[in-house]
């Protein structure tokens, strides 16, 4: 559904706030390298540098 909305409306950025939204956005932008994903966590968290987090925020 998100991929269809991206294509239909020419969306260039996705913004998520929760870890569930983060996964949905990461999957929606799969093979769409021009789409940028912005994730805001409303509390302090240490940087994540493992493979999964690198993939999610690539």
Protein backbone atom coordinates (compact mmCIF):
# COMPACT_ATOMS: atom_id res chain seq x y z
CA UNK A 1 0.00 0.00 0.00
CA UNK A 2 2.79 2.44 0.89
CA UNK A 3 4.63 1.70 -2.37
CA UNK A 4 1.48 2.48 -4.36
CA UNK A 5 1.04 5.79 -2.53
CA UNK A 6 4.72 6.67 -3.15
CA UNK A 7 4.35 6.08 -6.89
CA UNK A 8 0.89 7.64 -7.23
CA UNK A 9 1.77 10.89 -5.43
CA UNK A 10 5.48 11.21 -6.29
CA UNK A 11 6.55 11.01 -2.65
CA UNK A 12 10.29 11.40 -2.07
CA UNK A 13 10.56 11.08 1.74
CA UNK A 14 9.04 8.74 4.31
CA UNK A 15 8.89 9.76 7.97
CA UNK A 16 8.27 7.25 10.74
CA UNK A 17 8.00 7.58 14.52
CA UNK A 18 7.71 4.04 15.88
CA UNK A 19 9.68 0.86 15.34
CA UNK A 20 6.70 -0.74 13.58
CA UNK A 21 6.44 2.17 11.14
CA UNK A 22 10.20 1.99 10.62
CA UNK A 23 9.94 -1.59 9.28
CA UNK A 24 7.00 -0.72 7.03
CA UNK A 25 8.90 2.22 5.52
CA UNK A 26 12.12 0.23 5.09
CA UNK A 27 10.24 -2.49 3.21
CA UNK A 28 8.26 0.03 1.15
CA UNK A 29 11.43 1.73 -0.10
CA UNK A 30 13.05 -1.58 -1.06
CA UNK A 31 14.62 -1.10 -4.54
CA UNK A 32 13.57 2.56 -4.57
CA UNK A 33 16.96 4.19 -3.86
CA UNK A 34 15.76 7.78 -4.38
CA UNK A 35 13.23 7.51 -1.54
CA UNK A 36 14.66 8.83 1.73
CA UNK A 37 13.53 7.53 5.12
CA UNK A 38 13.57 9.75 8.19
CA UNK A 39 13.02 8.12 11.57
CA UNK A 40 12.43 10.14 14.74
CA UNK A 41 12.54 8.36 18.03
CA UNK A 42 11.23 10.63 20.77
CA UNK A 43 13.74 9.54 23.35
CA UNK A 44 17.50 9.22 23.49
CA UNK A 45 18.90 6.03 22.03
CA UNK A 46 22.43 4.95 21.32
CA UNK A 47 23.47 4.71 17.64
CA UNK A 48 22.86 1.31 16.08
CA UNK A 49 25.60 0.14 13.74
CA UNK A 50 24.79 -3.54 13.24
CA UNK A 51 23.77 -5.00 9.84
CA UNK A 52 20.00 -4.83 10.42
CA UNK A 53 20.04 -1.16 11.39
CA UNK A 54 22.37 -0.27 8.51
CA UNK A 55 19.88 -1.93 6.15
CA UNK A 56 16.88 -0.20 7.72
CA UNK A 57 18.41 3.26 7.38
CA UNK A 58 20.27 2.84 4.06
